PDB file of N, CA and C in Angstrom:
ATOM      1  N   MET A   1      -7.437  -9.111-112.716  1.00  0.00           N
ATOM      2  CA  MET A   1      -7.290  -9.064-114.155  1.00  0.00           C
ATOM      3  C   MET A   1      -7.312  -7.616-114.643  1.00  0.00           C
ATOM      4  N   SER A   2      -8.106  -6.772-113.994  1.00  0.00           N
ATOM      5  CA  SER A   2      -8.161  -5.384-114.464  1.00  0.00           C
ATOM      6  C   SER A   2      -6.825  -4.676-114.265  1.00  0.00           C
ATOM      7  N   VAL A   3      -6.112  -4.994-113.191  1.00  0.00           N
ATOM      8  CA  VAL A   3      -4.789  -4.397-112.980  1.00  0.00           C
ATOM      9  C   VAL A   3      -3.839  -4.871-114.075  1.00  0.00           C
ATOM     10  N   LEU A   4      -3.859  -6.149-114.374  1.00  0.00           N
ATOM     11  CA  LEU A   4      -2.968  -6.692-115.402  1.00  0.00           C
ATOM     12  C   LEU A   4      -3.351  -6.226-116.804  1.00  0.00           C
ATOM     13  N   SER A   5      -4.614  -5.930-117.021  1.00  0.00           N
ATOM     14  CA  SER A   5      -5.023  -5.475-118.353  1.00  0.00           C
ATOM     15  C   SER A   5      -4.463  -4.091-118.672  1.00  0.00           C
ATOM     16  N   ALA A   6      -4.142  -3.336-117.638  1.00  0.00           N
ATOM     17  CA  ALA A   6      -3.627  -1.977-117.835  1.00  0.00           C
ATOM     18  C   ALA A   6      -2.103  -1.930-117.917  1.00  0.00           C
ATOM     19  N   ALA A   7      -1.447  -3.061-117.694  1.00  0.00           N
ATOM     20  CA  ALA A   7       0.019  -3.098-117.702  1.00  0.00           C
ATOM     21  C   ALA A   7       0.495  -4.338-118.442  1.00  0.00           C
ATOM     22  N   GLU A   8       1.715  -4.279-118.929  1.00  0.00           N
ATOM     23  CA  GLU A   8       2.284  -5.451-119.598  1.00  0.00           C
ATOM     24  C   GLU A   8       2.494  -6.583-118.599  1.00  0.00           C
ATOM     25  N   SER A   9       2.950  -6.214-117.401  1.00  0.00           N
ATOM     26  CA  SER A   9       3.120  -7.181-116.319  1.00  0.00           C
ATOM     27  C   SER A   9       3.120  -6.418-115.000  1.00  0.00           C
ATOM     28  N   ALA A  10       2.965  -7.151-113.911  1.00  0.00           N
ATOM     29  CA  ALA A  10       2.973  -6.537-112.581  1.00  0.00           C
ATOM     30  C   ALA A  10       3.563  -7.527-111.594  1.00  0.00           C
ATOM     31  N   ASP A  11       4.353  -7.006-110.649  1.00  0.00           N
ATOM     32  CA  ASP A  11       4.926  -7.918-109.667  1.00  0.00           C
ATOM     33  C   ASP A  11       3.954  -8.139-108.506  1.00  0.00           C
ATOM     34  N   PHE A  12       4.250  -9.166-107.737  1.00  0.00           N
ATOM     35  CA  PHE A  12       3.370  -9.632-106.671  1.00  0.00           C
ATOM     36  C   PHE A  12       3.069  -8.526-105.663  1.00  0.00           C
ATOM     37  N   ILE A  13       4.092  -7.798-105.233  1.00  0.00           N
ATOM     38  CA  ILE A  13       3.910  -6.752-104.223  1.00  0.00           C
ATOM     39  C   ILE A  13       2.997  -5.645-104.767  1.00  0.00           C
ATOM     40  N   TYR A  14       3.208  -5.258-106.012  1.00  0.00           N
ATOM     41  CA  TYR A  14       2.349  -4.243-106.632  1.00  0.00           C
ATOM     42  C   TYR A  14       0.901  -4.731-106.673  1.00  0.00           C
ATOM     43  N   LEU A  15       0.696  -5.976-107.076  1.00  0.00           N
ATOM     44  CA  LEU A  15      -0.660  -6.528-107.139  1.00  0.00           C
ATOM     45  C   LEU A  15      -1.310  -6.566-105.762  1.00  0.00           C
ATOM     46  N   MET A  16      -0.527  -6.895-104.737  1.00  0.00           N
ATOM     47  CA  MET A  16      -1.066  -6.880-103.369  1.00  0.00           C
ATOM     48  C   MET A  16      -1.563  -5.484-103.012  1.00  0.00           C
ATOM     49  N   GLY A  17      -0.760  -4.482-103.311  1.00  0.00           N
ATOM     50  CA  GLY A  17      -1.136  -3.110-102.994  1.00  0.00           C
ATOM     51  C   GLY A  17      -2.363  -2.639-103.751  1.00  0.00           C
ATOM     52  N   GLU A  18      -2.436  -2.983-105.019  1.00  0.00           N
ATOM     53  CA  GLU A  18      -3.557  -2.542-105.851  1.00  0.00           C
ATOM     54  C   GLU A  18      -4.865  -3.246-105.504  1.00  0.00           C
ATOM     55  N   THR A  19      -4.776  -4.512-105.120  1.00  0.00           N
ATOM     56  CA  THR A  19      -5.993  -5.286-104.859  1.00  0.00           C
ATOM     57  C   THR A  19      -6.403  -5.301-103.394  1.00  0.00           C
ATOM     58  N   GLY A  20      -5.457  -5.052-102.493  1.00  0.00           N
ATOM     59  CA  GLY A  20      -5.756  -5.121-101.069  1.00  0.00           C
ATOM     60  C   GLY A  20      -5.848  -6.548-100.547  1.00  0.00           C
ATOM     61  N   LEU A  21      -5.426  -7.512-101.351  1.00  0.00           N
ATOM     62  CA  LEU A  21      -5.478  -8.913-100.939  1.00  0.00           C
ATOM     63  C   LEU A  21      -4.274  -9.268-100.075  1.00  0.00           C
ATOM     64  N   THR A  22      -4.437 -10.295 -99.255  1.00  0.00           N
ATOM     65  CA  THR A  22      -3.313 -10.809 -98.476  1.00  0.00           C
ATOM     66  C   THR A  22      -2.415 -11.632 -99.394  1.00  0.00           C
ATOM     67  N   ARG A  23      -1.208 -11.929 -98.927  1.00  0.00           N
ATOM     68  CA  ARG A  23      -0.279 -12.757 -99.715  1.00  0.00           C
ATOM     69  C   ARG A  23      -0.920 -14.089-100.089  1.00  0.00           C
ATOM     70  N   GLY A  24      -1.516 -14.746 -99.099  1.00  0.00           N
ATOM     71  CA  GLY A  24      -2.113 -16.058 -99.331  1.00  0.00           C
ATOM     72  C   GLY A  24      -3.263 -16.008-100.321  1.00  0.00           C
ATOM     73  N   ASN A  25      -4.148 -15.028-100.145  1.00  0.00           N
ATOM     74  CA  ASN A  25      -5.302 -14.918-101.029  1.00  0.00           C
ATOM     75  C   ASN A  25      -4.870 -14.589-102.449  1.00  0.00           C
ATOM     76  N   LEU A  26      -3.932 -13.645-102.604  1.00  0.00           N
ATOM     77  CA  LEU A  26      -3.454 -13.291-103.939  1.00  0.00           C
ATOM     78  C   LEU A  26      -2.779 -14.481-104.603  1.00  0.00           C
ATOM     79  N   SER A  27      -2.003 -15.220-103.836  1.00  0.00           N
ATOM     80  CA  SER A  27      -1.321 -16.392-104.375  1.00  0.00           C
ATOM     81  C   SER A  27      -2.323 -17.408-104.916  1.00  0.00           C
ATOM     82  N   VAL A  28      -3.393 -17.648-104.168  1.00  0.00           N
ATOM     83  CA  VAL A  28      -4.431 -18.591-104.601  1.00  0.00           C
ATOM     84  C   VAL A  28      -5.109 -18.086-105.874  1.00  0.00           C
ATOM     85  N   GLN A  29      -5.450 -16.804-105.910  1.00  0.00           N
ATOM     86  CA  GLN A  29      -6.127 -16.248-107.087  1.00  0.00           C
ATOM     87  C   GLN A  29      -5.235 -16.292-108.323  1.00  0.00           C
ATOM     88  N   LEU A  30      -3.951 -15.963-108.158  1.00  0.00           N
ATOM     89  CA  LEU A  30      -3.028 -16.026-109.292  1.00  0.00           C
ATOM     90  C   LEU A  30      -2.867 -17.456-109.795  1.00  0.00           C
ATOM     91  N   THR A  31      -2.813 -18.406-108.874  1.00  0.00           N
ATOM     92  CA  THR A  31      -2.704 -19.813-109.265  1.00  0.00           C
ATOM     93  C   THR A  31      -3.926 -20.237-110.075  1.00  0.00           C
ATOM     94  N   ARG A  32      -5.109 -19.835-109.639  1.00  0.00           N
ATOM     95  CA  ARG A  32      -6.335 -20.177-110.373  1.00  0.00           C
ATOM     96  C   ARG A  32      -6.343 -19.562-111.770  1.00  0.00           C
ATOM     97  N   LEU A  33      -5.917 -18.311-111.859  1.00  0.00           N
ATOM     98  CA  LEU A  33      -5.865 -17.657-113.172  1.00  0.00           C
ATOM     99  C   LEU A  33      -4.834 -18.314-114.079  1.00  0.00           C
ATOM    100  N   LYS A  34      -3.718 -18.740-113.493  1.00  0.00           N
ATOM    101  CA  LYS A  34      -2.689 -19.440-114.271  1.00  0.00           C
ATOM    102  C   LYS A  34      -3.227 -20.781-114.768  1.00  0.00           C
ATOM    103  N   GLU A  35      -3.894 -21.532-113.894  1.00  0.00           N
ATOM    104  CA  GLU A  35      -4.453 -22.830-114.277  1.00  0.00           C
ATOM    105  C   GLU A  35      -5.507 -22.684-115.374  1.00  0.00           C
ATOM    106  N   ALA A  36      -6.221 -21.556-115.385  1.00  0.00           N
ATOM    107  CA  ALA A  36      -7.227 -21.302-116.421  1.00  0.00           C
ATOM    108  C   ALA A  36      -6.592 -20.851-117.732  1.00  0.00           C
ATOM    109  N   GLY A  37      -5.284 -20.567-117.694  1.00  0.00           N
ATOM    110  CA  GLY A  37      -4.589 -20.121-118.895  1.00  0.00           C
ATOM    111  C   GLY A  37      -4.702 -18.625-119.149  1.00  0.00           C
ATOM    112  N   TYR A  38      -5.179 -17.878-118.149  1.00  0.00           N
ATOM    113  CA  TYR A  38      -5.395 -16.443-118.320  1.00  0.00           C
ATOM    114  C   TYR A  38      -4.162 -15.597-118.039  1.00  0.00           C
ATOM    115  N   ILE A  39      -3.231 -16.113-117.231  1.00  0.00           N
ATOM    116  CA  ILE A  39      -2.009 -15.365-116.930  1.00  0.00           C
ATOM    117  C   ILE A  39      -0.800 -16.285-116.984  1.00  0.00           C
ATOM    118  N   LYS A  40       0.372 -15.661-117.123  1.00  0.00           N
ATOM    119  CA  LYS A  40       1.654 -16.355-116.991  1.00  0.00           C
ATOM    120  C   LYS A  40       2.301 -15.814-115.725  1.00  0.00           C
ATOM    121  N   ILE A  41       3.021 -16.675-115.024  1.00  0.00           N
ATOM    122  CA  ILE A  41       3.736 -16.259-113.826  1.00  0.00           C
ATOM    123  C   ILE A  41       5.214 -16.545-114.032  1.00  0.00           C
ATOM    124  N   ALA A  42       6.030 -15.528-113.787  1.00  0.00           N
ATOM    125  CA  ALA A  42       7.486 -15.673-113.881  1.00  0.00           C
ATOM    126  C   ALA A  42       8.080 -15.442-112.501  1.00  0.00           C
ATOM    127  N   LYS A  43       9.028 -16.298-112.130  1.00  0.00           N
ATOM    128  CA  LYS A  43       9.711 -16.156-110.841  1.00  0.00           C
ATOM    129  C   LYS A  43      11.192 -15.988-111.108  1.00  0.00           C
ATOM    130  N   GLU A  44      11.784 -14.995-110.439  1.00  0.00           N
ATOM    131  CA  GLU A  44      13.208 -14.728-110.593  1.00  0.00           C
ATOM    132  C   GLU A  44      13.746 -14.146-109.288  1.00  0.00           C
ATOM    133  N   PHE A  45      15.055 -14.031-109.203  1.00  0.00           N
ATOM    134  CA  PHE A  45      15.673 -13.389-108.052  1.00  0.00           C
ATOM    135  C   PHE A  45      16.233 -12.048-108.477  1.00  0.00           C
ATOM    136  N   VAL A  46      15.956 -11.030-107.684  1.00  0.00           N
ATOM    137  CA  VAL A  46      16.536  -9.705-107.865  1.00  0.00           C
ATOM    138  C   VAL A  46      17.425  -9.495-106.643  1.00  0.00           C
ATOM    139  N   GLY A  47      18.730  -9.598-106.864  1.00  0.00           N
ATOM    140  CA  GLY A  47      19.634  -9.639-105.718  1.00  0.00           C
ATOM    141  C   GLY A  47      19.399 -10.944-104.990  1.00  0.00           C
ATOM    142  N   ASN A  48      19.109 -10.854-103.707  1.00  0.00           N
ATOM    143  CA  ASN A  48      18.812 -12.052-102.912  1.00  0.00           C
ATOM    144  C   ASN A  48      17.321 -12.249-102.685  1.00  0.00           C
ATOM    145  N   SER A  49      16.510 -11.398-103.274  1.00  0.00           N
ATOM    146  CA  SER A  49      15.070 -11.453-103.030  1.00  0.00           C
ATOM    147  C   SER A  49      14.328 -12.080-104.207  1.00  0.00           C
ATOM    148  N   PRO A  50      13.372 -12.967-103.900  1.00  0.00           N
ATOM    149  CA  PRO A  50      12.566 -13.539-104.980  1.00  0.00           C
ATOM    150  C   PRO A  50      11.579 -12.499-105.508  1.00  0.00           C
ATOM    151  N   ARG A  51      11.292 -12.583-106.791  1.00  0.00           N
ATOM    152  CA  ARG A  51      10.329 -11.663-107.402  1.00  0.00           C
ATOM    153  C   ARG A  51       9.402 -12.476-108.296  1.00  0.00           C
ATOM    154  N   THR A  52       8.113 -12.343-108.043  1.00  0.00           N
ATOM    155  CA  THR A  52       7.094 -13.016-108.841  1.00  0.00           C
ATOM    156  C   THR A  52       6.372 -11.966-109.673  1.00  0.00           C
ATOM    157  N   THR A  53       6.288 -12.216-110.966  1.00  0.00           N
ATOM    158  CA  THR A  53       5.646 -11.277-111.884  1.00  0.00           C
ATOM    159  C   THR A  53       4.553 -12.006-112.657  1.00  0.00           C
ATOM    160  N   ALA A  54       3.421 -11.348-112.810  1.00  0.00           N
ATOM    161  CA  ALA A  54       2.300 -11.924-113.560  1.00  0.00           C
ATOM    162  C   ALA A  54       2.016 -11.072-114.788  1.00  0.00           C
ATOM    163  N   SER A  55       1.611 -11.730-115.864  1.00  0.00           N
ATOM    164  CA  SER A  55       1.195 -11.025-117.078  1.00  0.00           C
ATOM    165  C   SER A  55       0.059 -11.801-117.731  1.00  0.00           C
ATOM    166  N   MET A  56      -0.801 -11.086-118.433  1.00  0.00           N
ATOM    167  CA  MET A  56      -1.936 -11.729-119.093  1.00  0.00           C
ATOM    168  C   MET A  56      -1.482 -12.451-120.354  1.00  0.00           C
ATOM    169  N   THR A  57      -2.106 -13.580-120.613  1.00  0.00           N
ATOM    170  CA  THR A  57      -1.895 -14.300-121.864  1.00  0.00           C
ATOM    171  C   THR A  57      -2.883 -13.752-122.898  1.00  0.00           C
ATOM    172  N   PRO A  58      -2.680 -14.049-124.170  1.00  0.00           N
ATOM    173  CA  PRO A  58      -3.679 -13.644-125.174  1.00  0.00           C
ATOM    174  C   PRO A  58      -5.074 -14.190-124.846  1.00  0.00           C
ATOM    175  N   GLU A  59      -5.127 -15.418-124.336  1.00  0.00           N
ATOM    176  CA  GLU A  59      -6.417 -16.005-123.942  1.00  0.00           C
ATOM    177  C   GLU A  59      -7.034 -15.214-122.795  1.00  0.00           C
ATOM    178  N   GLY A  60      -6.200 -14.795-121.843  1.00  0.00           N
ATOM    179  CA  GLY A  60      -6.680 -13.998-120.718  1.00  0.00           C
ATOM    180  C   GLY A  60      -7.196 -12.644-121.162  1.00  0.00           C
ATOM    181  N   LYS A  61      -6.494 -12.014-122.095  1.00  0.00           N
ATOM    182  CA  LYS A  61      -6.938 -10.716-122.621  1.00  0.00           C
ATOM    183  C   LYS A  61      -8.287 -10.860-123.314  1.00  0.00           C
ATOM    184  N   LYS A  62      -8.435 -11.926-124.091  1.00  0.00           N
ATOM    185  CA  LYS A  62      -9.697 -12.155-124.795  1.00  0.00           C
ATOM    186  C   LYS A  62     -10.834 -12.380-123.800  1.00  0.00           C
ATOM    187  N   ALA A  63     -10.593 -13.221-122.791  1.00  0.00           N
ATOM    188  CA  ALA A  63     -11.623 -13.512-121.793  1.00  0.00           C
ATOM    189  C   ALA A  63     -11.998 -12.252-121.014  1.00  0.00           C
ATOM    190  N   PHE A  64     -11.007 -11.437-120.670  1.00  0.00           N
ATOM    191  CA  PHE A  64     -11.283 -10.215-119.921  1.00  0.00           C
ATOM    192  C   PHE A  64     -12.069  -9.221-120.774  1.00  0.00           C
ATOM    193  N   ASP A  65     -11.717  -9.094-122.040  1.00  0.00           N
ATOM    194  CA  ASP A  65     -12.464  -8.206-122.937  1.00  0.00           C
ATOM    195  C   ASP A  65     -13.915  -8.665-123.080  1.00  0.00           C
ATOM    196  N   GLU A  66     -14.119  -9.973-123.197  1.00  0.00           N
ATOM    197  CA  GLU A  66     -15.481 -10.508-123.294  1.00  0.00           C
ATOM    198  C   GLU A  66     -16.262 -10.235-122.014  1.00  0.00           C
ATOM    199  N   TYR A  67     -15.603 -10.370-120.862  1.00  0.00           N
ATOM    200  CA  TYR A  67     -16.233 -10.107-119.567  1.00  0.00           C
ATOM    201  C   TYR A  67     -16.639  -8.632-119.465  1.00  0.00           C
ATOM    202  N   ARG A  68     -15.746  -7.730-119.886  1.00  0.00           N
ATOM    203  CA  ARG A  68     -16.053  -6.295-119.841  1.00  0.00           C
ATOM    204  C   ARG A  68     -17.222  -5.965-120.765  1.00  0.00           C
ATOM    205  N   THR A  69     -17.260  -6.576-121.931  1.00  0.00           N
ATOM    206  CA  THR A  69     -18.363  -6.354-122.866  1.00  0.00           C
ATOM    207  C   THR A  69     -19.673  -6.846-122.263  1.00  0.00           C
ATOM    208  N   TYR A  70     -19.620  -8.000-121.611  1.00  0.00           N
ATOM    209  CA  TYR A  70     -20.810  -8.559-120.964  1.00  0.00           C
ATOM    210  C   TYR A  70     -21.305  -7.636-119.853  1.00  0.00           C
ATOM    211  N   LEU A  71     -20.387  -7.152-119.006  1.00  0.00           N
ATOM    212  CA  LEU A  71     -20.781  -6.238-117.930  1.00  0.00           C
ATOM    213  C   LEU A  71     -21.392  -4.957-118.487  1.00  0.00           C
ATOM    214  N   ALA A  72     -20.806  -4.430-119.552  1.00  0.00           N
ATOM    215  CA  ALA A  72     -21.337  -3.215-120.168  1.00  0.00           C
ATOM    216  C   ALA A  72     -22.756  -3.443-120.684  1.00  0.00           C
ATOM    217  N   SER A  73     -23.011  -4.620-121.249  1.00  0.00           N
ATOM    218  CA  SER A  73     -24.359  -4.909-121.755  1.00  0.00           C
ATOM    219  C   SER A  73     -25.358  -5.028-120.605  1.00  0.00           C
ATOM    220  N   LEU A  74     -24.918  -5.573-119.473  1.00  0.00           N
ATOM    221  CA  LEU A  74     -25.798  -5.652-118.305  1.00  0.00           C
ATOM    222  C   LEU A  74     -26.139  -4.263-117.789  1.00  0.00           C
ATOM    223  N   LEU A  75     -25.134  -3.413-117.708  1.00  0.00           N
ATOM    224  CA  LEU A  75     -25.366  -2.049-117.228  1.00  0.00           C
ATOM    225  C   LEU A  75     -26.284  -1.280-118.173  1.00  0.00           C
ATOM    226  N   LYS A  76     -26.101  -1.477-119.451  1.00  0.00           N
ATOM    227  CA  LYS A  76     -26.942  -0.801-120.438  1.00  0.00           C
ATOM    228  C   LYS A  76     -28.387  -1.284-120.332  1.00  0.00           C
ATOM    229  N   ALA A  77     -28.559  -2.577-120.086  1.00  0.00           N
ATOM    230  CA  ALA A  77     -29.901  -3.153-120.002  1.00  0.00           C
ATOM    231  C   ALA A  77     -30.651  -2.684-118.758  1.00  0.00           C
ATOM    232  N   THR A  78     -29.930  -2.329-117.707  1.00  0.00           N
ATOM    233  CA  THR A  78     -30.587  -1.925-116.461  1.00  0.00           C
ATOM    234  C   THR A  78     -30.751  -0.415-116.345  1.00  0.00           C
ATOM    235  N   SER A  79     -30.223   0.339-117.290  1.00  0.00           N
ATOM    236  CA  SER A  79     -30.354   1.806-117.178  1.00  0.00           C
ATOM    237  C   SER A  79     -31.448   2.353-118.054  1.00  0.00           C
TER     238      SER A  79
END
C-alpha cells in the first residue's frame, strides 16, 4: 500500500521489484487488497504481453492514511 500511495498506479513488475515479493505472493496480496476494496486492478495487453496495474481506491487511501496516523501515535507514545 505504501508503494501505491506514492503513485497514481503501479504495474505488477514494478511492485514485485519494490516489495521483493514473489509473483505468487504479490498476486495473493493484491487479490486480498482488491477484495477489501482498497485497490483496483486493471489488466491489459501491451503488444503481446499482459500487463497488470494496481491503483488505490478512495477507500484504500482513507484506510492507509488512518493506518499511518495510528502507527505515528504508537511511535509517539513509546518515545
